[in-house]
Structures are given as structure tokens and as C-alpha cells.
Amino acid sequence: MMRTRPLKVALLGCGVVGSEVTRIITTQSADLAARIGAPIELAGIAVRRANRVRAGVPAELLTTDATALVKRGDIDVVVEVIGGIEPVRTLITTAFEHGASVVSANKALLAADGASLHAKAVEHGVDLYYEAAVAGAIPLIRPLRESLAGDKVNRVLGIVNGTTNFILDKMDSTGAGYSEALDEATALGYAEADPTADVEGFDAAAKAAILAGIAFHTRVTIDDVHREGLTEVTAADIASARKMGCTVKLLAICERARDGRSVTARVHPAMIPLSHPLASVRGAYNAVFVEAEAAGQLMFYGPGAGGAPTASAVLGDLVAACRNKLAATTGAGESAYTQLPVSPMGDVVTRYHISLDVADKPGVLAQVATVFAEHDVSIDTVRQQGRNQGSGDDAAVEQGGGRREGGEASLVVVTHRAPDAALSATVSSLRKLDTVRGVASIMRVEGE
């Protein structure tokens, strides 16, 4: 039996995603009603400029008073696709206070204040859903929160920003430099006019905080996430990765410590083996690799942004929230927090690829190896290439090597697994050596 009284939906924001949500609600109303068990009615759309013409959006639903809309009292679900922290946080809590569940795509707010928002939702007996906040249309939040609720997730490793993946993919496939690849991403609409949030890792860090919080049932905010962007990645780094049988990706990595007593969350460029499933993720696509104790290795892949994919995730949450309204229950409450501490980046253990500009003379490698040994960082491989010899071929180097005094060389060291703090101390000491002209790049090696 279908209930005849419609569930009322308020929409906050009517940009690319909001317009697509409006289109789907109005054109697929019969299908949505069948899935929910009751019709839904778009009761109002809050925008900044109500007099702007929006194709396919009923003008009579537009309002500039978002606060009045969420305070109406007859709204069942509020869909928020505005973004940012304020006034959105206040609008969402006001919606809770007036009995409305909320569906949000707001990664920045959830990464900063997700715990308190969940607490408010529980206090007022309503839902908070946000599948669209991470990886667009890819079903990821719900599997982590529900399907894997009885399992122990140990690691989440993912490409969660399409812009940066497009840039790195272009650098790898064409040999382009960072600036050239960014220009192409901008021309194709993958990068904003100001790409800072993407290329400096802020967008991915917000998503990492959300994923870590859900995967490990622990309060993780964006301030807990170590963040590095990709602006320093060079064509030489990409070429060096290729020689190692790797490619470079900007990764969001959330890990449970081996002893289970803490977690870490980080975003940075990393080399991953071409054999890893994430290495084959091309263009602006997203993918997340989950490692769980019982389920094993799982991969989620698909478009991570765009109006239609994001709207798809929003509508999925909307259907779930409406169903819960009909059943007079809630279905998106968080698990109890385990209160695991978030460890600093210095405690993270991984491998490293370090490129040094050094003097090309005997004894340089011995000095460099001594510094690594002093900080208990074990060297796996070393590759040295002279810069003044007229040849692009690498030369094998034995300890104490170097070939010709007075020139310059590039020395590439790949380490075994070591704590990040030990690596940082090693690099600081290397910079003090007279024979080291500069540290050209440092990149972690993941996914092995």
C-alpha cells in the first residue's frame, strides 16, 4: 500500500548538482515514489538569487530565505548541496531541530564537524546521510558504515580527487610537466579556475577524514590528516617511478596501527606498483581500495564528481531517508566511537624514494649511506646518473662509488620500510653534507 500524503523535500542550493537533483525528482517522481512507498514533493529550493532563470527549475519554488525554509516544520528531508561551513552548519542543525532528516554532499563541513552533527541528528531522532560527500556516485560510505559494520577495516587506500588523477595520468602517459597537465585539466573543465583545493590536497584530506572516521569508528577531523599536494611532482619523478615499475598517484590513506591502538590519515603523492589495482585508474576517475580482516580486499571504482554522478548519490540517500520517515525510524546513526587516538605522521611506516643532487666524486655514496644508517633507515636500492657525461644511461653504483670528480650527479635511493620521523631526520642530515647539492624530491612508495 502506498501512502498518498507526499513526503516534503527542501533543497538548499541549485547549482550543477542541485539542478540535477531537481530534474530527477520532477521527471522520475513515479519511480521514486515506488521505491520509497510514498510520493515525494519538492516543497522549496533555497538560492542566493531567485530572479535568475534556471532551466527546468520551477520558479515558484525558489526562495532566498533558507532559514525560513528549514524552519517550516512540515519538511521531512532537507537536501543540502550548498557547500562550505557557514551558514550551512546552522541550517542543518536548524533542520534537525524542526524534525527534518538531512542529506548532504558537504565534505568540508562533515570533515570538520561530522561528530557533533551526528550527535545532533541522534538527539532529534532524525537521519544524516552523506554518500555524495566522498567519491561522487561510487557507493562507499554505506558499505563502510553498514555492509562492513561487523568486520574490522584495517586500511583504506584511495584516489578520491578526479582533477589530480587526471593531471598525474597526463604527466605519466604523455610526459607533460605539471603546469602543462594542469592547463589541459582546466581547459577540459576538470580543474577550477583556482585549483588550490584539489592540487594542494585539501579536497582529498576532507574525504580522508570522513573515510577514516567511518572505517575506524573514531573521531577524525581534517586537522588530523597529514596533507601534501602534487604541485612539486615533476616529470623526472614520473620517469623515475616508471623505471621502478610504478606510477604516481595522489592517495588518501587511512590505516589502523598494527597493534590496533591508533589510526593515521594522510594525503600525499606516492609511487604504487603497476600491478596494484589503483595504478590502472585513469583520467578523472576515482577508486578506493579497502582492506578488511574478514572480507579481504575490496575495490570501489567510478566517476567521482560531476552533476549527474553526485546527484545519483544524493538521490540514493534521499530514498533511504524517506523510507526511514515512513517507518518512523532512523537508519544512519553512527556506531559508538572507539576513541582510538590519531597518531602523528611521524609514526607512519612506509618506503621512500629520495632523489639527491650530489657531487660526482668518490666517497659520496659512502657518506650518504652512513647518514641513512645513523637514523636506522635501511637502503633497498641505489641508482646514480652522472649529469656531465653526455649520456642519459643510468650507471650501477657500489658503495663508495661515483665516477668523476668535479661534476654533478643524481643519486636515487629507495629505502625499506621506516618511520616517517626517521626519514625526515635523515633528509635533514643529508642537506648538511657538503657533497649533497640538494634534495630534489622525496616520495613515498605505497601499495606493496
Protein backbone atom coordinates (compact mmCIF):
# COMPACT_ATOMS: atom_id res chain seq x y z
CA MET A 1 0.00 0.00 0.00
CA MET A 2 1.41 3.41 -0.95
CA ARG A 3 0.81 6.36 1.31
CA THR A 4 -0.92 9.17 -0.54
CA ARG A 5 0.32 12.12 1.51
CA PRO A 6 3.66 13.14 -0.02
CA LEU A 7 6.90 13.46 1.89
CA LYS A 8 8.14 17.03 1.55
CA VAL A 9 11.70 17.78 0.48
CA ALA A 10 13.55 21.09 0.78
CA LEU A 11 16.60 21.71 -1.41
CA LEU A 12 19.40 24.05 -0.31
CA GLY A 13 21.36 25.12 -3.36
CA CYS A 14 20.57 24.84 -7.07
CA GLY A 15 23.88 24.80 -8.87
CA VAL A 16 25.13 21.94 -11.06
CA VAL A 17 24.24 19.24 -8.53
CA GLY A 18 21.08 20.91 -7.19
CA SER A 19 19.68 21.40 -10.69
CA GLU A 20 20.26 17.73 -11.48
CA VAL A 21 18.60 16.67 -8.21
CA THR A 22 15.61 18.86 -9.11
CA ARG A 23 15.40 17.34 -12.58
CA ILE A 24 15.42 13.78 -11.27
CA ILE A 25 12.82 14.47 -8.58
CA THR A 26 10.45 16.12 -11.08
CA THR A 27 10.94 13.76 -14.03
CA GLN A 28 11.22 10.46 -12.17
CA SER A 29 8.64 11.10 -9.45
CA ALA A 30 6.68 7.90 -10.15
CA ASP A 31 9.78 5.69 -9.94
CA LEU A 32 10.95 7.39 -6.74
CA ALA A 33 7.50 7.01 -5.17
CA ALA A 34 7.52 3.28 -5.98
CA ARG A 35 10.92 2.83 -4.36
CA ILE A 36 10.04 4.87 -1.28
CA GLY A 37 6.44 3.74 -0.76
CA ALA A 38 5.09 7.29 -0.88
CA PRO A 39 5.22 10.22 -3.29
CA ILE A 40 7.71 13.00 -2.63
CA GLU A 41 7.12 16.68 -3.19
CA LEU A 42 9.78 19.32 -3.75
CA ALA A 43 8.49 21.96 -1.34
CA GLY A 44 11.11 24.70 -1.79
CA ILE A 45 14.55 25.50 -3.18
CA ALA A 46 16.81 27.97 -1.39
CA VAL A 47 19.10 30.01 -3.66
CA ARG A 48 21.07 33.23 -3.48
CA ARG A 49 19.38 34.88 -6.47
CA ALA A 50 15.74 33.92 -7.00
CA ASN A 51 15.36 36.04 -10.15
CA ARG A 52 17.94 34.04 -12.10
CA VAL A 53 16.40 31.79 -14.76
CA ARG A 54 17.21 28.11 -14.21
CA ALA A 55 16.18 25.68 -16.95
CA GLY A 56 13.79 23.03 -15.70
CA VAL A 57 13.54 24.52 -12.19
CA PRO A 58 10.04 25.75 -11.17
CA ALA A 59 10.42 29.46 -10.38
CA GLU A 60 7.63 29.34 -7.79
CA LEU A 61 9.73 27.03 -5.60
CA LEU A 62 12.68 29.42 -5.36
CA THR A 63 13.37 31.38 -2.19
CA THR A 64 16.31 33.34 -0.83
CA ASP A 65 15.29 32.65 2.78
CA ALA A 66 16.92 29.29 3.53
CA THR A 67 16.34 29.65 7.27
CA ALA A 68 12.58 30.08 6.87
CA LEU A 69 12.51 27.06 4.54
CA VAL A 70 14.16 24.67 7.02
CA LYS A 71 12.04 26.06 9.88
CA ARG A 72 8.70 25.34 8.20
CA GLY A 73 8.02 22.29 10.35
CA ASP A 74 6.39 20.28 7.56
CA ILE A 75 9.66 19.43 5.79
CA ASP A 76 10.58 15.74 6.03
CA VAL A 77 14.04 15.81 4.41
CA VAL A 78 16.44 18.66 3.66
CA VAL A 79 18.92 18.12 0.83
CA GLU A 80 21.99 20.36 1.21
CA VAL A 81 24.24 20.95 -1.80
CA ILE A 82 25.50 24.46 -1.00
CA GLY A 83 28.91 23.58 0.44
CA GLY A 84 31.11 25.41 2.91
CA ILE A 85 30.89 25.63 6.69
CA GLU A 86 28.54 28.52 7.50
CA PRO A 87 25.68 29.21 7.15
CA VAL A 88 25.27 25.53 6.25
CA ARG A 89 26.09 24.16 9.71
CA THR A 90 23.43 26.39 11.27
CA LEU A 91 20.89 25.47 8.57
CA ILE A 92 21.46 21.74 9.10
CA THR A 93 21.16 21.92 12.88
CA THR A 94 18.03 24.07 12.49
CA ALA A 95 16.57 21.41 10.17
CA PHE A 96 17.27 18.75 12.81
CA GLU A 97 15.59 20.85 15.49
CA HIS A 98 12.46 21.09 13.31
CA GLY A 99 12.26 17.34 12.71
CA ALA A 100 13.84 17.07 9.26
CA SER A 101 16.44 14.49 8.24
CA VAL A 102 19.34 15.82 6.17
CA VAL A 103 21.11 14.56 3.05
CA SER A 104 24.37 16.41 2.40
CA ALA A 105 27.19 16.44 -0.13
CA ASN A 106 29.27 18.75 2.06
CA LYS A 107 32.67 17.12 2.61
CA ALA A 108 34.23 20.23 4.16
CA LEU A 109 31.62 20.52 6.90
CA LEU A 110 31.50 16.80 7.63
CA ALA A 111 35.29 16.58 7.82
CA ALA A 112 35.38 19.49 10.25
CA ASP A 113 32.31 18.83 12.37
CA GLY A 114 30.80 15.45 11.49
CA ALA A 115 30.78 14.11 15.06
CA SER A 116 28.72 16.97 16.50
CA LEU A 117 26.30 16.86 13.55
CA HIS A 118 25.72 13.15 14.10
CA ALA A 119 25.13 13.83 17.79
CA LYS A 120 22.53 16.48 16.91
CA ALA A 121 20.78 14.12 14.49
CA VAL A 122 20.57 11.41 17.16
CA GLU A 123 19.34 13.94 19.72
CA HIS A 124 16.39 14.88 17.49
CA GLY A 125 15.71 11.37 16.17
CA VAL A 126 16.48 12.12 12.53
CA ASP A 127 18.96 10.92 9.88
CA LEU A 128 22.16 12.39 8.47
CA TYR A 129 23.26 10.84 5.17
CA TYR A 130 26.22 11.95 3.04
CA GLU A 131 27.15 9.34 0.44
CA ALA A 132 27.77 12.13 -2.10
CA ALA A 133 30.42 13.79 0.09
CA VAL A 134 33.08 11.24 -0.92
CA ALA A 135 33.76 9.85 -4.41
CA GLY A 136 30.59 11.04 -6.14
CA ALA A 137 28.40 8.22 -7.42
CA ILE A 138 30.60 5.43 -6.01
CA PRO A 139 28.74 3.56 -3.24
CA LEU A 140 31.33 3.80 -0.49
CA ILE A 141 30.02 5.42 2.69
CA ARG A 142 27.12 2.99 3.10
CA PRO A 143 29.25 -0.17 2.51
CA LEU A 144 31.77 1.03 5.10
CA ARG A 145 29.10 2.03 7.62
CA GLU A 146 26.67 -0.84 7.07
CA SER A 147 27.96 -3.73 4.94
CA LEU A 148 31.32 -3.87 6.78
CA ALA A 149 29.91 -2.95 10.19
CA GLY A 150 30.60 -6.47 11.50
CA ASP A 151 34.13 -6.58 10.09
CA LYS A 152 37.39 -4.90 11.08
CA VAL A 153 38.67 -2.48 8.45
CA ASN A 154 42.45 -2.14 8.62
CA ARG A 155 43.23 0.12 5.67
CA VAL A 156 41.53 2.40 3.17
CA LEU A 157 43.70 3.47 0.23
CA GLY A 158 42.16 5.61 -2.45
CA ILE A 159 42.20 8.05 -5.34
CA VAL A 160 39.45 10.43 -4.24
CA ASN A 161 40.11 13.51 -6.38
CA GLY A 162 39.50 13.30 -10.12
CA THR A 163 41.33 16.52 -11.00
CA THR A 164 44.64 15.39 -9.54
CA ASN A 165 44.31 11.92 -11.02
CA PHE A 166 43.73 13.45 -14.47
CA ILE A 167 46.84 15.63 -14.08
CA LEU A 168 49.09 12.77 -12.94
CA ASP A 169 47.69 10.46 -15.62
CA LYS A 170 48.53 13.04 -18.32
CA MET A 171 52.03 13.50 -16.91
CA ASP A 172 52.54 9.74 -16.98
CA SER A 173 51.02 9.00 -20.40
CA THR A 174 52.36 11.99 -22.35
CA GLY A 175 55.48 13.10 -20.47
CA ALA A 176 53.94 16.52 -19.83
CA GLY A 177 55.06 18.66 -16.92
CA TYR A 178 52.75 19.60 -14.06
CA SER A 179 51.84 23.07 -15.42
CA GLU A 180 51.06 21.74 -18.89
CA ALA A 181 48.85 18.96 -17.50
CA LEU A 182 47.05 21.42 -15.20
CA ASP A 183 46.35 23.72 -18.16
CA GLU A 184 44.74 20.84 -20.05
CA ALA A 185 42.66 19.86 -16.99
CA THR A 186 41.45 23.45 -16.72
CA ALA A 187 40.60 23.67 -20.43
CA LEU A 188 38.55 20.47 -20.20
CA GLY A 189 36.70 21.64 -17.09
CA TYR A 190 38.27 19.13 -14.70
CA ALA A 191 40.08 21.87 -12.75
CA GLU A 192 38.60 25.06 -11.31
CA ALA A 193 39.99 28.49 -12.18
CA ASP A 194 41.55 28.34 -8.70
CA PRO A 195 42.61 24.68 -8.38
CA THR A 196 44.18 25.04 -4.92
CA ALA A 197 41.66 22.83 -3.09
CA ASP A 198 42.41 19.99 -5.49
CA VAL A 199 46.12 20.24 -6.25
CA GLU A 200 47.17 21.06 -2.69
CA GLY A 201 45.22 18.08 -1.34
CA PHE A 202 42.58 19.91 0.73
CA ASP A 203 39.67 18.21 -1.05
CA ALA A 204 41.22 14.75 -0.64
CA ALA A 205 42.11 15.44 3.00
CA ALA A 206 38.48 16.25 3.86
CA LYS A 207 37.39 12.98 2.25
CA ALA A 208 40.14 11.07 4.08
CA ALA A 209 38.88 12.41 7.41
CA ILE A 210 35.34 11.21 6.63
CA LEU A 211 36.53 7.78 5.48
CA ALA A 212 38.81 7.28 8.50
CA GLY A 213 36.07 8.26 10.92
CA ILE A 214 33.64 5.74 9.43
CA ALA A 215 36.12 2.92 8.80
CA PHE A 216 37.65 3.01 12.28
CA HIS A 217 34.67 4.32 14.34
CA THR A 218 36.94 7.10 15.57
CA ARG A 219 36.63 10.87 15.59
CA VAL A 220 38.87 12.12 12.79
CA THR A 221 38.77 15.70 11.53
CA ILE A 222 40.57 17.33 8.63
CA ASP A 223 43.05 18.79 11.13
CA ASP A 224 44.16 15.22 11.93
CA VAL A 225 45.01 14.47 8.30
CA HIS A 226 48.59 14.95 7.09
CA ARG A 227 48.35 16.71 3.73
CA GLU A 228 50.72 17.21 0.80
CA GLY A 229 49.72 18.33 -2.69
CA LEU A 230 51.12 17.40 -6.07
CA THR A 231 52.50 20.75 -7.22
CA GLU A 232 56.08 19.59 -6.62
CA VAL A 233 55.73 16.38 -8.64
CA THR A 234 57.93 16.59 -11.73
CA ALA A 235 58.26 14.74 -14.99
CA ALA A 236 61.51 13.32 -13.56
CA ASP A 237 59.55 11.82 -10.64
CA ILE A 238 57.12 10.19 -13.07
CA ALA A 239 60.00 8.81 -15.14
CA SER A 240 61.77 7.50 -12.06
CA ALA A 241 58.59 5.76 -10.93
CA ARG A 242 58.30 4.13 -14.34
CA LYS A 243 61.82 2.72 -14.00
CA MET A 244 60.70 1.10 -10.76
CA GLY A 245 57.62 -0.42 -12.38
CA CYS A 246 55.40 2.12 -10.63
CA THR A 247 53.16 5.07 -11.35
CA VAL A 248 52.44 8.18 -9.26
CA LYS A 249 49.02 8.84 -7.70
CA LEU A 250 47.74 11.32 -5.12
CA LEU A 251 46.49 8.93 -2.45
CA ALA A 252 44.26 9.25 0.59
CA ILE A 253 45.47 6.63 3.06
CA CYS A 254 43.69 5.73 6.30
CA GLU A 255 45.31 3.00 8.39
CA ARG A 256 44.80 1.19 11.66
CA ALA A 257 48.09 0.62 13.52
CA ARG A 258 49.28 -2.98 13.60
CA ASP A 259 48.69 -3.14 17.35
CA GLY A 260 45.17 -1.75 16.81
CA ARG A 261 45.68 1.05 19.31
CA SER A 262 45.74 4.06 16.98
CA VAL A 263 44.95 5.20 13.44
CA THR A 264 46.53 7.52 10.90
CA ALA A 265 45.11 9.51 7.99
CA ARG A 266 47.20 11.15 5.28
CA VAL A 267 47.09 12.53 1.74
CA HIS A 268 50.17 12.79 -0.44
CA PRO A 269 51.63 11.76 -3.82
CA ALA A 270 53.02 8.24 -3.80
CA MET A 271 54.50 5.68 -6.13
CA ILE A 272 52.44 2.50 -6.42
CA PRO A 273 53.33 -0.66 -8.38
CA LEU A 274 51.71 -1.05 -11.79
CA SER A 275 50.37 -4.38 -10.52
CA HIS A 276 48.20 -2.64 -7.91
CA PRO A 277 44.53 -2.15 -8.96
CA LEU A 278 44.72 1.60 -8.27
CA ALA A 279 47.54 2.02 -10.79
CA SER A 280 45.12 1.41 -13.67
CA VAL A 281 42.67 4.16 -12.63
CA ARG A 282 42.89 6.69 -15.44
CA GLY A 283 41.64 10.17 -16.22
CA ALA A 284 39.31 11.86 -13.75
CA TYR A 285 38.00 8.64 -12.23
CA ASN A 286 38.09 7.77 -8.51
CA ALA A 287 38.74 4.43 -6.85
CA VAL A 288 39.02 3.29 -3.25
CA PHE A 289 40.74 0.09 -2.11
CA VAL A 290 39.55 -1.28 1.24
CA GLU A 291 41.35 -3.97 3.24
CA ALA A 292 39.20 -5.68 5.89
CA GLU A 293 40.04 -8.55 8.18
CA ALA A 294 37.27 -10.94 7.11
CA ALA A 295 36.14 -9.55 3.73
CA GLY A 296 39.69 -9.18 2.45
CA GLN A 297 40.44 -6.70 -0.33
CA LEU A 298 37.59 -4.74 -1.91
CA MET A 299 37.72 -2.06 -4.60
CA PHE A 300 35.15 0.64 -5.40
CA TYR A 301 35.52 2.44 -8.73
CA GLY A 302 33.64 5.04 -10.73
CA PRO A 303 33.18 8.75 -11.57
CA GLY A 304 33.99 10.81 -8.51
CA ALA A 305 32.39 14.14 -9.42
CA GLY A 306 30.01 15.91 -11.76
CA GLY A 307 26.36 16.87 -11.57
CA ALA A 308 24.77 13.57 -12.57
CA PRO A 309 27.04 11.20 -10.58
CA THR A 310 26.81 13.31 -7.43
CA ALA A 311 23.04 13.69 -7.83
CA SER A 312 22.79 9.91 -8.11
CA ALA A 313 24.40 9.52 -4.67
CA VAL A 314 22.19 12.29 -3.25
CA LEU A 315 19.02 10.61 -4.53
CA GLY A 316 20.09 7.27 -3.08
CA ASP A 317 20.39 8.91 0.33
CA LEU A 318 17.10 10.73 -0.18
CA VAL A 319 15.27 7.47 -0.83
CA ALA A 320 16.80 5.91 2.31
CA ALA A 321 15.92 8.92 4.48
CA CYS A 322 12.34 8.98 3.15
CA ARG A 323 11.90 5.28 3.80
CA ASN A 324 13.02 5.81 7.38
CA LYS A 325 10.50 8.62 7.76
CA LEU A 326 7.73 6.27 6.66
CA ALA A 327 8.89 3.61 9.11
CA ALA A 328 9.26 6.18 11.91
CA THR A 329 12.84 5.08 12.47
CA THR A 330 16.38 6.21 11.71
CA GLY A 331 18.89 4.22 9.78
CA ALA A 332 22.08 6.26 9.56
CA GLY A 333 23.21 6.55 13.14
CA GLU A 334 26.93 6.21 13.76
CA SER A 335 28.48 3.34 15.62
CA ALA A 336 29.76 4.14 19.09
CA TYR A 337 33.19 5.75 18.89
CA THR A 338 36.09 3.55 19.94
CA GLN A 339 38.09 6.69 20.80
CA LEU A 340 41.25 5.45 19.09
CA PRO A 341 43.87 8.22 19.03
CA VAL A 342 45.06 9.60 15.70
CA SER A 343 48.83 9.15 15.53
CA PRO A 344 51.09 11.85 14.06
CA MET A 345 52.60 11.49 10.61
CA GLY A 346 55.97 10.72 12.16
CA ASP A 347 54.68 7.33 13.31
CA VAL A 348 53.66 6.23 9.79
CA VAL A 349 55.84 3.43 8.46
CA THR A 350 56.37 3.09 4.72
CA ARG A 351 59.03 3.04 1.97
CA TYR A 352 60.59 6.11 0.37
CA HIS A 353 62.06 7.19 -2.95
CA ILE A 354 64.60 10.01 -2.48
CA SER A 355 66.36 11.86 -5.30
CA LEU A 356 69.55 13.77 -4.39
CA ASP A 357 71.73 16.14 -6.40
CA VAL A 358 75.27 15.26 -5.36
CA ALA A 359 78.86 15.94 -6.26
CA ASP A 360 80.11 13.33 -8.73
CA LYS A 361 83.25 12.17 -6.93
CA PRO A 362 84.48 9.14 -4.98
CA GLY A 363 83.10 8.60 -1.47
CA VAL A 364 79.75 10.39 -1.91
CA LEU A 365 77.67 7.24 -1.73
CA ALA A 366 79.51 6.09 1.38
CA GLN A 367 78.67 9.39 3.12
CA VAL A 368 75.04 9.19 2.10
CA ALA A 369 74.74 5.56 3.22
CA THR A 370 76.27 6.46 6.60
CA VAL A 371 73.58 9.11 7.20
CA PHE A 372 70.83 6.61 6.46
CA ALA A 373 72.42 4.09 8.83
CA GLU A 374 72.74 6.68 11.60
CA HIS A 375 68.96 7.20 11.52
CA ASP A 376 68.20 3.47 11.25
CA VAL A 377 66.75 3.78 7.74
CA SER A 378 67.70 0.76 5.64
CA ILE A 379 68.54 1.26 1.95
CA ASP A 380 66.95 -1.12 -0.57
CA THR A 381 68.36 0.13 -3.89
CA VAL A 382 70.58 2.94 -5.19
CA ARG A 383 70.83 4.39 -8.69
CA GLN A 384 73.30 7.09 -9.76
CA GLN A 385 73.40 9.04 -13.01
CA GLY A 386 76.12 11.46 -13.98
CA ARG A 387 74.94 14.83 -15.33
CA ASN A 388 78.09 15.97 -17.14
CA GLN A 389 78.86 12.81 -19.08
CA GLY A 390 76.72 13.31 -22.16
CA SER A 391 74.75 10.15 -21.53
CA GLY A 392 71.27 9.58 -20.21
CA ASP A 393 72.04 5.99 -19.19
CA ASP A 394 72.00 5.06 -15.53
CA ALA A 395 75.12 3.57 -14.03
CA ALA A 396 75.22 0.90 -11.35
CA VAL A 397 76.95 2.17 -8.25
CA GLU A 398 78.75 0.31 -5.50
CA GLN A 399 79.30 1.83 -2.06
CA GLY A 400 81.98 4.46 -2.23
CA GLY A 401 81.22 4.97 -5.94
CA GLY A 402 80.96 7.97 -8.16
CA ARG A 403 82.88 8.19 -11.38
CA ARG A 404 84.46 11.52 -11.98
CA GLU A 405 85.41 14.22 -9.59
CA GLY A 406 84.18 17.75 -10.14
CA GLY A 407 80.90 17.05 -11.91
CA GLU A 408 77.35 16.62 -10.66
CA ALA A 409 75.23 13.51 -10.37
CA SER A 410 71.73 12.48 -9.46
CA LEU A 411 71.54 9.85 -6.75
CA VAL A 412 68.26 7.97 -6.25
CA VAL A 413 67.79 5.98 -3.05
CA VAL A 414 64.85 3.68 -2.36
CA THR A 415 64.51 2.61 1.26
CA HIS A 416 62.97 -0.29 3.08
CA ARG A 417 60.03 0.49 5.39
CA ALA A 418 60.85 3.09 8.03
CA PRO A 419 59.02 5.61 10.25
CA ASP A 420 58.35 8.98 8.63
CA ALA A 421 60.09 10.75 11.53
CA ALA A 422 63.29 8.80 10.86
CA LEU A 423 63.12 9.68 7.17
CA SER A 424 62.64 13.39 7.96
CA ALA A 425 65.65 13.33 10.26
CA THR A 426 67.66 11.56 7.57
CA VAL A 427 66.80 14.20 4.97
CA SER A 428 67.72 17.00 7.38
CA SER A 429 71.13 15.42 7.90
CA LEU A 430 71.65 14.83 4.18
CA ARG A 431 71.06 18.52 3.50
CA LYS A 432 74.00 19.33 5.78
CA LEU A 433 76.51 17.27 3.78
CA ASP A 434 78.86 19.33 1.61
CA THR A 435 78.62 16.72 -1.11
CA VAL A 436 74.81 16.94 -1.32
CA ARG A 437 73.88 19.91 -3.51
CA GLY A 438 70.16 19.47 -2.89
CA VAL A 439 67.29 17.09 -2.16
CA ALA A 440 65.43 17.08 -5.47
CA SER A 441 62.40 15.07 -4.37
CA ILE A 442 61.01 12.77 -1.70
CA MET A 443 58.12 10.43 -2.47
CA ARG A 444 56.58 7.59 -0.55
CA VAL A 445 56.14 4.14 -2.08
CA GLU A 446 52.77 2.54 -1.25
CA GLY A 447 50.55 -0.37 -2.21
CA GLU A 448 53.11 -3.16 -1.94
